[in-house]
Amino acid sequence: MPTLNLSTNVPVDSVVSSDILKDASKSVARIIGKPESYVMVLLKGGVPMLFGGSEEPAAYGEVVSIGGLGPGVNGKLSAAIADILESKLSVDKSRFYIKFYDVEGSYFGFRGSTF
């Protein structure tokens, strides 16, 4: 149920994409405390993006989860994802925003129903 949606203006090849997806999935599961079998990670590269008036490498992310989020967890998750983006795509941590949504189970669909 935790879902991480990442977009970046950096073109992403399939090898780097796979590494980012795997690293991010493990980080989300570990930090939020949910089984990785429930984690979904999406990555869109080459997205037209302007940050601070510049088209230098940048990224935006959103995390949606049924519980498990809060100030401490959000800070750790923000740091972990920023580290991944910086190491794999050279996106400076100062050019990455991430938004967190803690939602009720009835707002998250799965298997044709809700949680």
PDB file of N, CA and C in Angstrom:
ATOM      1  N   MET A   1       0.784  -1.204   0.000  1.00  0.00           N
ATOM      2  CA  MET A   1       0.000   0.000   0.000  1.00  0.00           C
ATOM      3  C   MET A   1       0.830   1.274   0.000  1.00  0.00           C
ATOM      4  N   PRO A   2       2.038   1.300   0.606  1.00  0.00           N
ATOM      5  CA  PRO A   2       2.826   2.517   0.412  1.00  0.00           C
ATOM      6  C   PRO A   2       3.220   2.640  -1.056  1.00  0.00           C
ATOM      7  N   THR A   3       3.009   3.829  -1.608  1.00  0.00           N
ATOM      8  CA  THR A   3       3.345   4.084  -3.006  1.00  0.00           C
ATOM      9  C   THR A   3       4.228   5.311  -3.084  1.00  0.00           C
ATOM     10  N   LEU A   4       5.345   5.176  -3.778  1.00  0.00           N
ATOM     11  CA  LEU A   4       6.266   6.282  -4.017  1.00  0.00           C
ATOM     12  C   LEU A   4       6.242   6.581  -5.499  1.00  0.00           C
ATOM     13  N   ASN A   5       5.893   7.803  -5.844  1.00  0.00           N
ATOM     14  CA  ASN A   5       5.825   8.240  -7.232  1.00  0.00           C
ATOM     15  C   ASN A   5       6.907   9.301  -7.430  1.00  0.00           C
ATOM     16  N   LEU A   6       7.908   9.008  -8.253  1.00  0.00           N
ATOM     17  CA  LEU A   6       9.015   9.926  -8.493  1.00  0.00           C
ATOM     18  C   LEU A   6       9.027  10.397  -9.938  1.00  0.00           C
ATOM     19  N   SER A   7       9.264  11.685 -10.115  1.00  0.00           N
ATOM     20  CA  SER A   7       9.451  12.261 -11.448  1.00  0.00           C
ATOM     21  C   SER A   7      10.736  13.080 -11.424  1.00  0.00           C
ATOM     22  N   THR A   8      11.469  13.020 -12.528  1.00  0.00           N
ATOM     23  CA  THR A   8      12.704  13.793 -12.644  1.00  0.00           C
ATOM     24  C   THR A   8      12.892  14.257 -14.082  1.00  0.00           C
ATOM     25  N   ASN A   9      13.621  15.344 -14.248  1.00  0.00           N
ATOM     26  CA  ASN A   9      13.920  15.809 -15.599  1.00  0.00           C
ATOM     27  C   ASN A   9      15.165  15.118 -16.165  1.00  0.00           C
ATOM     28  N   VAL A  10      15.788  14.256 -15.386  1.00  0.00           N
ATOM     29  CA  VAL A  10      16.960  13.514 -15.834  1.00  0.00           C
ATOM     30  C   VAL A  10      16.505  12.290 -16.636  1.00  0.00           C
ATOM     31  N   PRO A  11      17.033  12.077 -17.836  1.00  0.00           N
ATOM     32  CA  PRO A  11      16.709  10.852 -18.565  1.00  0.00           C
ATOM     33  C   PRO A  11      17.206   9.638 -17.768  1.00  0.00           C
ATOM     34  N   VAL A  12      16.398   8.598 -17.724  1.00  0.00           N
ATOM     35  CA  VAL A  12      16.730   7.422 -16.917  1.00  0.00           C
ATOM     36  C   VAL A  12      16.757   6.189 -17.819  1.00  0.00           C
ATOM     37  N   ASP A  13      17.921   5.510 -17.877  1.00  0.00           N
ATOM     38  CA  ASP A  13      17.979   4.282 -18.672  1.00  0.00           C
ATOM     39  C   ASP A  13      17.485   3.112 -17.829  1.00  0.00           C
ATOM     40  N   SER A  14      17.287   1.975 -18.459  1.00  0.00           N
ATOM     41  CA  SER A  14      16.651   0.838 -17.790  1.00  0.00           C
ATOM     42  C   SER A  14      17.487   0.265 -16.648  1.00  0.00           C
ATOM     43  N   VAL A  15      18.815   0.306 -16.764  1.00  0.00           N
ATOM     44  CA  VAL A  15      19.666  -0.234 -15.705  1.00  0.00           C
ATOM     45  C   VAL A  15      19.585   0.644 -14.459  1.00  0.00           C
ATOM     46  N   VAL A  16      19.747   1.945 -14.650  1.00  0.00           N
ATOM     47  CA  VAL A  16      19.665   2.879 -13.527  1.00  0.00           C
ATOM     48  C   VAL A  16      18.264   2.868 -12.941  1.00  0.00           C
ATOM     49  N   SER A  17      17.265   2.807 -13.802  1.00  0.00           N
ATOM     50  CA  SER A  17      15.876   2.762 -13.349  1.00  0.00           C
ATOM     51  C   SER A  17      15.637   1.577 -12.426  1.00  0.00           C
ATOM     52  N   SER A  18      16.108   0.424 -12.795  1.00  0.00           N
ATOM     53  CA  SER A  18      15.933  -0.778 -11.990  1.00  0.00           C
ATOM     54  C   SER A  18      16.605  -0.625 -10.629  1.00  0.00           C
ATOM     55  N   ASP A  19      17.808  -0.065 -10.616  1.00  0.00           N
ATOM     56  CA  ASP A  19      18.520   0.157  -9.349  1.00  0.00           C
ATOM     57  C   ASP A  19      17.746   1.112  -8.449  1.00  0.00           C
ATOM     58  N   ILE A  20      17.253   2.195  -9.019  1.00  0.00           N
ATOM     59  CA  ILE A  20      16.504   3.181  -8.233  1.00  0.00           C
ATOM     60  C   ILE A  20      15.232   2.559  -7.677  1.00  0.00           C
ATOM     61  N   LEU A  21      14.495   1.844  -8.520  1.00  0.00           N
ATOM     62  CA  LEU A  21      13.244   1.217  -8.077  1.00  0.00           C
ATOM     63  C   LEU A  21      13.496   0.256  -6.913  1.00  0.00           C
ATOM     64  N   LYS A  22      14.510  -0.581  -7.045  1.00  0.00           N
ATOM     65  CA  LYS A  22      14.815  -1.564  -5.994  1.00  0.00           C
ATOM     66  C   LYS A  22      15.266  -0.890  -4.703  1.00  0.00           C
ATOM     67  N   ASP A  23      16.182   0.072  -4.820  1.00  0.00           N
ATOM     68  CA  ASP A  23      16.678   0.774  -3.627  1.00  0.00           C
ATOM     69  C   ASP A  23      15.558   1.543  -2.932  1.00  0.00           C
ATOM     70  N   ALA A  24      14.731   2.218  -3.717  1.00  0.00           N
ATOM     71  CA  ALA A  24      13.639   3.004  -3.143  1.00  0.00           C
ATOM     72  C   ALA A  24      12.606   2.099  -2.476  1.00  0.00           C
ATOM     73  N   SER A  25      12.285   0.972  -3.097  1.00  0.00           N
ATOM     74  CA  SER A  25      11.308   0.047  -2.532  1.00  0.00           C
ATOM     75  C   SER A  25      11.778  -0.474  -1.170  1.00  0.00           C
ATOM     76  N   LYS A  26      13.032  -0.868  -1.100  1.00  0.00           N
ATOM     77  CA  LYS A  26      13.595  -1.354   0.171  1.00  0.00           C
ATOM     78  C   LYS A  26      13.568  -0.256   1.235  1.00  0.00           C
ATOM     79  N   SER A  27      13.927   0.962   0.843  1.00  0.00           N
ATOM     80  CA  SER A  27      13.941   2.077   1.789  1.00  0.00           C
ATOM     81  C   SER A  27      12.551   2.392   2.313  1.00  0.00           C
ATOM     82  N   VAL A  28      11.572   2.452   1.421  1.00  0.00           N
ATOM     83  CA  VAL A  28      10.201   2.740   1.836  1.00  0.00           C
ATOM     84  C   VAL A  28       9.711   1.685   2.822  1.00  0.00           C
ATOM     85  N   ALA A  29       9.907   0.421   2.500  1.00  0.00           N
ATOM     86  CA  ALA A  29       9.447  -0.659   3.370  1.00  0.00           C
ATOM     87  C   ALA A  29      10.123  -0.581   4.742  1.00  0.00           C
ATOM     88  N   ARG A  30      11.425  -0.414   4.738  1.00  0.00           N
ATOM     89  CA  ARG A  30      12.191  -0.397   5.995  1.00  0.00           C
ATOM     90  C   ARG A  30      11.808   0.796   6.865  1.00  0.00           C
ATOM     91  N   ILE A  31      11.724   1.969   6.274  1.00  0.00           N
ATOM     92  CA  ILE A  31      11.485   3.186   7.047  1.00  0.00           C
ATOM     93  C   ILE A  31      10.040   3.297   7.510  1.00  0.00           C
ATOM     94  N   ILE A  32       9.088   2.967   6.641  1.00  0.00           N
ATOM     95  CA  ILE A  32       7.677   3.050   7.024  1.00  0.00           C
ATOM     96  C   ILE A  32       7.278   1.871   7.910  1.00  0.00           C
ATOM     97  N   GLY A  33       7.973   0.753   7.748  1.00  0.00           N
ATOM     98  CA  GLY A  33       7.665  -0.415   8.564  1.00  0.00           C
ATOM     99  C   GLY A  33       6.563  -1.282   7.988  1.00  0.00           C
ATOM    100  N   LYS A  34       6.452  -1.302   6.673  1.00  0.00           N
ATOM    101  CA  LYS A  34       5.466  -2.141   5.979  1.00  0.00           C
ATOM    102  C   LYS A  34       6.214  -3.191   5.168  1.00  0.00           C
ATOM    103  N   PRO A  35       5.577  -4.334   4.906  1.00  0.00           N
ATOM    104  CA  PRO A  35       6.237  -5.350   4.074  1.00  0.00           C
ATOM    105  C   PRO A  35       6.523  -4.817   2.668  1.00  0.00           C
ATOM    106  N   GLU A  36       7.700  -5.150   2.132  1.00  0.00           N
ATOM    107  CA  GLU A  36       8.043  -4.684   0.786  1.00  0.00           C
ATOM    108  C   GLU A  36       7.079  -5.241  -0.254  1.00  0.00           C
ATOM    109  N   SER A  37       6.440  -6.368   0.041  1.00  0.00           N
ATOM    110  CA  SER A  37       5.484  -6.947  -0.912  1.00  0.00           C
ATOM    111  C   SER A  37       4.287  -6.024  -1.148  1.00  0.00           C
ATOM    112  N   TYR A  38       4.077  -5.030  -0.293  1.00  0.00           N
ATOM    113  CA  TYR A  38       2.980  -4.059  -0.463  1.00  0.00           C
ATOM    114  C   TYR A  38       3.438  -2.743  -1.100  1.00  0.00           C
ATOM    115  N   VAL A  39       4.731  -2.552  -1.261  1.00  0.00           N
ATOM    116  CA  VAL A  39       5.276  -1.269  -1.724  1.00  0.00           C
ATOM    117  C   VAL A  39       5.252  -1.184  -3.249  1.00  0.00           C
ATOM    118  N   MET A  40       4.822  -0.031  -3.764  1.00  0.00           N
ATOM    119  CA  MET A  40       4.876   0.248  -5.199  1.00  0.00           C
ATOM    120  C   MET A  40       5.727   1.501  -5.404  1.00  0.00           C
ATOM    121  N   VAL A  41       6.617   1.447  -6.389  1.00  0.00           N
ATOM    122  CA  VAL A  41       7.454   2.594  -6.723  1.00  0.00           C
ATOM    123  C   VAL A  41       7.336   2.858  -8.211  1.00  0.00           C
ATOM    124  N   LEU A  42       7.054   4.097  -8.572  1.00  0.00           N
ATOM    125  CA  LEU A  42       6.975   4.516  -9.972  1.00  0.00           C
ATOM    126  C   LEU A  42       8.069   5.544 -10.217  1.00  0.00           C
ATOM    127  N   LEU A  43       8.700   5.476 -11.382  1.00  0.00           N
ATOM    128  CA  LEU A  43       9.760   6.410 -11.737  1.00  0.00           C
ATOM    129  C   LEU A  43       9.559   6.880 -13.163  1.00  0.00           C
ATOM    130  N   LYS A  44       9.449   8.193 -13.320  1.00  0.00           N
ATOM    131  CA  LYS A  44       9.329   8.795 -14.648  1.00  0.00           C
ATOM    132  C   LYS A  44      10.544   9.687 -14.867  1.00  0.00           C
ATOM    133  N   GLY A  45      11.343   9.375 -15.872  1.00  0.00           N
ATOM    134  CA  GLY A  45      12.506  10.182 -16.205  1.00  0.00           C
ATOM    135  C   GLY A  45      12.253  11.031 -17.435  1.00  0.00           C
ATOM    136  N   GLY A  46      13.081  12.039 -17.609  1.00  0.00           N
ATOM    137  CA  GLY A  46      12.968  12.910 -18.778  1.00  0.00           C
ATOM    138  C   GLY A  46      11.723  13.772 -18.776  1.00  0.00           C
ATOM    139  N   VAL A  47      11.177  14.051 -17.603  1.00  0.00           N
ATOM    140  CA  VAL A  47       9.963  14.866 -17.488  1.00  0.00           C
ATOM    141  C   VAL A  47      10.359  16.346 -17.528  1.00  0.00           C
ATOM    142  N   PRO A  48       9.757  17.150 -18.408  1.00  0.00           N
ATOM    143  CA  PRO A  48      10.078  18.574 -18.406  1.00  0.00           C
ATOM    144  C   PRO A  48       9.821  19.156 -17.008  1.00  0.00           C
ATOM    145  N   MET A  49      10.852  19.795 -16.425  1.00  0.00           N
ATOM    146  CA  MET A  49      10.756  20.255 -15.053  1.00  0.00           C
ATOM    147  C   MET A  49      11.662  21.470 -14.859  1.00  0.00           C
ATOM    148  N   LEU A  50      11.127  22.463 -14.180  1.00  0.00           N
ATOM    149  CA  LEU A  50      11.882  23.665 -13.856  1.00  0.00           C
ATOM    150  C   LEU A  50      11.841  23.828 -12.348  1.00  0.00           C
ATOM    151  N   PHE A  51      12.974  24.041 -11.725  1.00  0.00           N
ATOM    152  CA  PHE A  51      13.045  24.220 -10.275  1.00  0.00           C
ATOM    153  C   PHE A  51      13.913  25.438 -10.006  1.00  0.00           C
ATOM    154  N   GLY A  52      13.368  26.426  -9.327  1.00  0.00           N
ATOM    155  CA  GLY A  52      14.128  27.635  -9.024  1.00  0.00           C
ATOM    156  C   GLY A  52      14.594  28.380 -10.257  1.00  0.00           C
ATOM    157  N   GLY A  53      13.803  28.303 -11.330  1.00  0.00           N
ATOM    158  CA  GLY A  53      14.152  29.000 -12.563  1.00  0.00           C
ATOM    159  C   GLY A  53      15.206  28.306 -13.399  1.00  0.00           C
ATOM    160  N   SER A  54      15.568  27.070 -13.023  1.00  0.00           N
ATOM    161  CA  SER A  54      16.627  26.346 -13.715  1.00  0.00           C
ATOM    162  C   SER A  54      16.149  24.958 -14.136  1.00  0.00           C
ATOM    163  N   GLU A  55      16.674  24.504 -15.275  1.00  0.00           N
ATOM    164  CA  GLU A  55      16.383  23.155 -15.740  1.00  0.00           C
ATOM    165  C   GLU A  55      17.493  22.168 -15.379  1.00  0.00           C
ATOM    166  N   GLU A  56      18.348  22.532 -14.445  1.00  0.00           N
ATOM    167  CA  GLU A  56      19.355  21.601 -13.930  1.00  0.00           C
ATOM    168  C   GLU A  56      18.635  20.396 -13.333  1.00  0.00           C
ATOM    169  N   PRO A  57      19.323  19.262 -13.138  1.00  0.00           N
ATOM    170  CA  PRO A  57      18.663  18.077 -12.592  1.00  0.00           C
ATOM    171  C   PRO A  57      17.838  18.389 -11.342  1.00  0.00           C
ATOM    172  N   ALA A  58      16.591  17.900 -11.366  1.00  0.00           N
ATOM    173  CA  ALA A  58      15.659  18.123 -10.265  1.00  0.00           C
ATOM    174  C   ALA A  58      14.707  16.933 -10.205  1.00  0.00           C
ATOM    175  N   ALA A  59      13.987  16.821  -9.090  1.00  0.00           N
ATOM    176  CA  ALA A  59      13.033  15.725  -8.945  1.00  0.00           C
ATOM    177  C   ALA A  59      11.913  16.127  -7.997  1.00  0.00           C
ATOM    178  N   TYR A  60      10.791  15.442  -8.156  1.00  0.00           N
ATOM    179  CA  TYR A  60       9.627  15.622  -7.286  1.00  0.00           C
ATOM    180  C   TYR A  60       9.093  14.231  -6.944  1.00  0.00           C
ATOM    181  N   GLY A  61       8.700  14.052  -5.695  1.00  0.00           N
ATOM    182  CA  GLY A  61       8.158  12.766  -5.288  1.00  0.00           C
ATOM    183  C   GLY A  61       6.937  12.917  -4.406  1.00  0.00           C
ATOM    184  N   GLU A  62       6.121  11.882  -4.402  1.00  0.00           N
ATOM    185  CA  GLU A  62       4.963  11.809  -3.515  1.00  0.00           C
ATOM    186  C   GLU A  62       4.907  10.413  -2.916  1.00  0.00           C
ATOM    187  N   VAL A  63       4.639  10.351  -1.615  1.00  0.00           N
ATOM    188  CA  VAL A  63       4.465   9.092  -0.918  1.00  0.00           C
ATOM    189  C   VAL A  63       3.043   9.057  -0.382  1.00  0.00           C
ATOM    190  N   VAL A  64       2.337   7.980  -0.683  1.00  0.00           N
ATOM    191  CA  VAL A  64       0.987   7.767  -0.161  1.00  0.00           C
ATOM    192  C   VAL A  64       1.030   6.473   0.643  1.00  0.00           C
ATOM    193  N   SER A  65       0.515   6.519   1.862  1.00  0.00           N
ATOM    194  CA  SER A  65       0.527   5.326   2.692  1.00  0.00           C
ATOM    195  C   SER A  65      -0.663   5.339   3.642  1.00  0.00           C
ATOM    196  N   ILE A  66      -1.136   4.159   3.968  1.00  0.00           N
ATOM    197  CA  ILE A  66      -2.164   4.003   4.992  1.00  0.00           C
ATOM    198  C   ILE A  66      -1.411   3.831   6.306  1.00  0.00           C
ATOM    199  N   GLY A  67      -1.259   4.917   7.026  1.00  0.00           N
ATOM    200  CA  GLY A  67      -0.503   4.881   8.271  1.00  0.00           C
ATOM    201  C   GLY A  67       0.988   4.771   8.016  1.00  0.00           C
ATOM    202  N   GLY A  68       1.746   4.840   9.085  1.00  0.00           N
ATOM    203  CA  GLY A  68       3.195   4.696   8.998  1.00  0.00           C
ATOM    204  C   GLY A  68       3.949   5.984   8.748  1.00  0.00           C
ATOM    205  N   LEU A  69       3.239   7.061   8.397  1.00  0.00           N
ATOM    206  CA  LEU A  69       3.903   8.328   8.133  1.00  0.00           C
ATOM    207  C   LEU A  69       3.783   9.250   9.344  1.00  0.00           C
ATOM    208  N   GLY A  70       4.665  10.191   9.436  1.00  0.00           N
ATOM    209  CA  GLY A  70       4.679  11.171  10.517  1.00  0.00           C
ATOM    210  C   GLY A  70       5.985  11.935  10.438  1.00  0.00           C
ATOM    211  N   PRO A  71       6.147  12.966  11.255  1.00  0.00           N
ATOM    212  CA  PRO A  71       7.335  13.825  11.138  1.00  0.00           C
ATOM    213  C   PRO A  71       8.668  13.071  11.136  1.00  0.00           C
ATOM    214  N   GLY A  72       8.879  12.150  12.049  1.00  0.00           N
ATOM    215  CA  GLY A  72      10.152  11.425  12.102  1.00  0.00           C
ATOM    216  C   GLY A  72      10.369  10.527  10.902  1.00  0.00           C
ATOM    217  N   VAL A  73       9.349   9.769  10.554  1.00  0.00           N
ATOM    218  CA  VAL A  73       9.426   8.854   9.410  1.00  0.00           C
ATOM    219  C   VAL A  73       9.594   9.648   8.120  1.00  0.00           C
ATOM    220  N   ASN A  74       8.834  10.719   7.970  1.00  0.00           N
ATOM    221  CA  ASN A  74       8.908  11.528   6.753  1.00  0.00           C
ATOM    222  C   ASN A  74      10.317  12.085   6.538  1.00  0.00           C
ATOM    223  N   GLY A  75      10.939  12.554   7.614  1.00  0.00           N
ATOM    224  CA  GLY A  75      12.300  13.082   7.505  1.00  0.00           C
ATOM    225  C   GLY A  75      13.295  12.013   7.071  1.00  0.00           C
ATOM    226  N   LYS A  76      13.173  10.823   7.661  1.00  0.00           N
ATOM    227  CA  LYS A  76      14.072   9.721   7.294  1.00  0.00           C
ATOM    228  C   LYS A  76      13.854   9.281   5.848  1.00  0.00           C
ATOM    229  N   LEU A  77      12.590   9.226   5.447  1.00  0.00           N
ATOM    230  CA  LEU A  77      12.280   8.806   4.081  1.00  0.00           C
ATOM    231  C   LEU A  77      12.745   9.853   3.073  1.00  0.00           C
ATOM    232  N   SER A  78      12.547  11.119   3.391  1.00  0.00           N
ATOM    233  CA  SER A  78      13.015  12.194   2.519  1.00  0.00           C
ATOM    234  C   SER A  78      14.526  12.097   2.327  1.00  0.00           C
ATOM    235  N   ALA A  79      15.260  11.873   3.412  1.00  0.00           N
ATOM    236  CA  ALA A  79      16.720  11.760   3.332  1.00  0.00           C
ATOM    237  C   ALA A  79      17.140  10.549   2.506  1.00  0.00           C
ATOM    238  N   ALA A  80      16.489   9.412   2.713  1.00  0.00           N
ATOM    239  CA  ALA A  80      16.853   8.185   1.995  1.00  0.00           C
ATOM    240  C   ALA A  80      16.616   8.322   0.493  1.00  0.00           C
ATOM    241  N   ILE A  81      15.463   8.864   0.113  1.00  0.00           N
ATOM    242  CA  ILE A  81      15.156   9.011  -1.320  1.00  0.00           C
ATOM    243  C   ILE A  81      16.070  10.064  -1.948  1.00  0.00           C
ATOM    244  N   ALA A  82      16.333  11.146  -1.227  1.00  0.00           N
ATOM    245  CA  ALA A  82      17.249  12.170  -1.735  1.00  0.00           C
ATOM    246  C   ALA A  82      18.641  11.578  -1.965  1.00  0.00           C
ATOM    247  N   ASP A  83      19.097  10.713  -1.050  1.00  0.00           N
ATOM    248  CA  ASP A  83      20.406  10.055  -1.225  1.00  0.00           C
ATOM    249  C   ASP A  83      20.430   9.197  -2.483  1.00  0.00           C
ATOM    250  N   ILE A  84      19.353   8.450  -2.708  1.00  0.00           N
ATOM    251  CA  ILE A  84      19.273   7.590  -3.895  1.00  0.00           C
ATOM    252  C   ILE A  84      19.326   8.429  -5.167  1.00  0.00           C
ATOM    253  N   LEU A  85      18.525   9.495  -5.216  1.00  0.00           N
ATOM    254  CA  LEU A  85      18.484  10.350  -6.408  1.00  0.00           C
ATOM    255  C   LEU A  85      19.814  11.043  -6.654  1.00  0.00           C
ATOM    256  N   GLU A  86      20.471  11.427  -5.578  1.00  0.00           N
ATOM    257  CA  GLU A  86      21.761  12.093  -5.730  1.00  0.00           C
ATOM    258  C   GLU A  86      22.832  11.113  -6.224  1.00  0.00           C
ATOM    259  N   SER A  87      22.847   9.910  -5.666  1.00  0.00           N
ATOM    260  CA  SER A  87      23.879   8.949  -6.057  1.00  0.00           C
ATOM    261  C   SER A  87      23.641   8.351  -7.440  1.00  0.00           C
ATOM    262  N   LYS A  88      22.393   8.128  -7.806  1.00  0.00           N
ATOM    263  CA  LYS A  88      22.087   7.464  -9.082  1.00  0.00           C
ATOM    264  C   LYS A  88      21.870   8.426 -10.246  1.00  0.00           C
ATOM    265  N   LEU A  89      21.362   9.640  -9.944  1.00  0.00           N
ATOM    266  CA  LEU A  89      21.007  10.567 -11.029  1.00  0.00           C
ATOM    267  C   LEU A  89      21.661  11.945 -10.917  1.00  0.00           C
ATOM    268  N   SER A  90      22.479  12.136  -9.899  1.00  0.00           N
ATOM    269  CA  SER A  90      23.135  13.434  -9.660  1.00  0.00           C
ATOM    270  C   SER A  90      22.137  14.568  -9.449  1.00  0.00           C
ATOM    271  N   VAL A  91      21.000  14.252  -8.835  1.00  0.00           N
ATOM    272  CA  VAL A  91      20.032  15.295  -8.449  1.00  0.00           C
ATOM    273  C   VAL A  91      20.446  15.778  -7.069  1.00  0.00           C
ATOM    274  N   ASP A  92      20.877  17.026  -6.981  1.00  0.00           N
ATOM    275  CA  ASP A  92      21.285  17.589  -5.699  1.00  0.00           C
ATOM    276  C   ASP A  92      20.095  17.590  -4.732  1.00  0.00           C
ATOM    277  N   LYS A  93      20.378  17.325  -3.458  1.00  0.00           N
ATOM    278  CA  LYS A  93      19.319  17.256  -2.456  1.00  0.00           C
ATOM    279  C   LYS A  93      18.533  18.558  -2.349  1.00  0.00           C
ATOM    280  N   SER A  94      19.155  19.668  -2.740  1.00  0.00           N
ATOM    281  CA  SER A  94      18.475  20.970  -2.687  1.00  0.00           C
ATOM    282  C   SER A  94      17.534  21.175  -3.874  1.00  0.00           C
ATOM    283  N   ARG A  95      17.462  20.181  -4.776  1.00  0.00           N
ATOM    284  CA  ARG A  95      16.604  20.302  -5.955  1.00  0.00           C
ATOM    285  C   ARG A  95      15.600  19.154  -6.017  1.00  0.00           C
ATOM    286  N   PHE A  96      15.112  18.772  -4.826  1.00  0.00           N
ATOM    287  CA  PHE A  96      14.176  17.659  -4.693  1.00  0.00           C
ATOM    288  C   PHE A  96      13.131  17.981  -3.637  1.00  0.00           C
ATOM    289  N   TYR A  97      11.870  17.937  -4.054  1.00  0.00           N
ATOM    290  CA  TYR A  97      10.744  18.061  -3.121  1.00  0.00           C
ATOM    291  C   TYR A  97      10.063  16.709  -3.022  1.00  0.00           C
ATOM    292  N   ILE A  98       9.526  16.411  -1.837  1.00  0.00           N
ATOM    293  CA  ILE A  98       8.737  15.197  -1.656  1.00  0.00           C
ATOM    294  C   ILE A  98       7.555  15.538  -0.749  1.00  0.00           C
ATOM    295  N   LYS A  99       6.389  15.055  -1.134  1.00  0.00           N
ATOM    296  CA  LYS A  99       5.153  15.319  -0.393  1.00  0.00           C
ATOM    297  C   LYS A  99       4.634  14.002   0.165  1.00  0.00           C
ATOM    298  N   PHE A 100       4.095  14.043   1.375  1.00  0.00           N
ATOM    299  CA  PHE A 100       3.622  12.849   2.061  1.00  0.00           C
ATOM    300  C   PHE A 100       2.123  12.915   2.287  1.00  0.00           C
ATOM    301  N   TYR A 101       1.441  11.819   1.973  1.00  0.00           N
ATOM    302  CA  TYR A 101       0.003  11.699   2.185  1.00  0.00           C
ATOM    303  C   TYR A 101      -0.259  10.472   3.055  1.00  0.00           C
ATOM    304  N   ASP A 102      -0.803  10.674   4.238  1.00  0.00           N
ATOM    305  CA  ASP A 102      -1.224   9.569   5.095  1.00  0.00           C
ATOM    306  C   ASP A 102      -2.738   9.463   4.916  1.00  0.00           C
ATOM    307  N   VAL A 103      -3.194   8.390   4.290  1.00  0.00           N
ATOM    308  CA  VAL A 103      -4.613   8.282   3.934  1.00  0.00           C
ATOM    309  C   VAL A 103      -5.295   7.151   4.695  1.00  0.00           C
ATOM    310  N   GLU A 104      -6.608   7.249   4.773  1.00  0.00           N
ATOM    311  CA  GLU A 104      -7.416   6.179   5.356  1.00  0.00           C
ATOM    312  C   GLU A 104      -7.521   5.030   4.353  1.00  0.00           C
ATOM    313  N   GLY A 105      -7.697   3.835   4.858  1.00  0.00           N
ATOM    314  CA  GLY A 105      -7.797   2.662   4.000  1.00  0.00           C
ATOM    315  C   GLY A 105      -8.896   2.754   2.963  1.00  0.00           C
ATOM    316  N   SER A 106      -9.974   3.442   3.287  1.00  0.00           N
ATOM    317  CA  SER A 106     -11.090   3.555   2.343  1.00  0.00           C
ATOM    318  C   SER A 106     -10.754   4.446   1.142  1.00  0.00           C
ATOM    319  N   TYR A 107      -9.620   5.147   1.195  1.00  0.00           N
ATOM    320  CA  TYR A 107      -9.191   5.982   0.076  1.00  0.00           C
ATOM    321  C   TYR A 107      -8.113   5.313  -0.765  1.00  0.00           C
ATOM    322  N   PHE A 108      -7.872   4.020  -0.550  1.00  0.00           N
ATOM    323  CA  PHE A 108      -6.830   3.300  -1.272  1.00  0.00           C
ATOM    324  C   PHE A 108      -7.429   2.002  -1.805  1.00  0.00           C
ATOM    325  N   GLY A 109      -7.500   1.863  -3.118  1.00  0.00           N
ATOM    326  CA  GLY A 109      -8.078   0.674  -3.728  1.00  0.00           C
ATOM    327  C   GLY A 109      -7.050  -0.400  -3.984  1.00  0.00           C
ATOM    328  N   PHE A 110      -7.513  -1.664  -3.876  1.00  0.00           N
ATOM    329  CA  PHE A 110      -6.646  -2.814  -4.123  1.00  0.00           C
ATOM    330  C   PHE A 110      -7.526  -4.037  -4.300  1.00  0.00           C
ATOM    331  N   ARG A 111      -7.210  -4.842  -5.323  1.00  0.00           N
ATOM    332  CA  ARG A 111      -7.975  -6.069  -5.614  1.00  0.00           C
ATOM    333  C   ARG A 111      -9.467  -5.807  -5.815  1.00  0.00           C
ATOM    334  N   GLY A 112      -9.772  -4.691  -6.429  1.00  0.00           N
ATOM    335  CA  GLY A 112     -11.167  -4.358  -6.727  1.00  0.00           C
ATOM    336  C   GLY A 112     -11.964  -3.874  -5.552  1.00  0.00           C
ATOM    337  N   SER A 113     -11.299  -3.550  -4.441  1.00  0.00           N
ATOM    338  CA  SER A 113     -11.971  -3.061  -3.243  1.00  0.00           C
ATOM    339  C   SER A 113     -11.089  -2.001  -2.596  1.00  0.00           C
ATOM    340  N   THR A 114     -11.316  -1.719  -1.334  1.00  0.00           N
ATOM    341  CA  THR A 114     -10.463  -0.797  -0.588  1.00  0.00           C
ATOM    342  C   THR A 114      -9.959  -1.512   0.658  1.00  0.00           C
ATOM    343  N   PHE A 115      -9.002  -0.912   1.321  1.00  0.00           N
ATOM    344  CA  PHE A 115      -8.450  -1.521   2.538  1.00  0.00           C
ATOM    345  C   PHE A 115      -9.331  -1.259   3.740  1.00  0.00           C
TER     346      PHE A 115
END
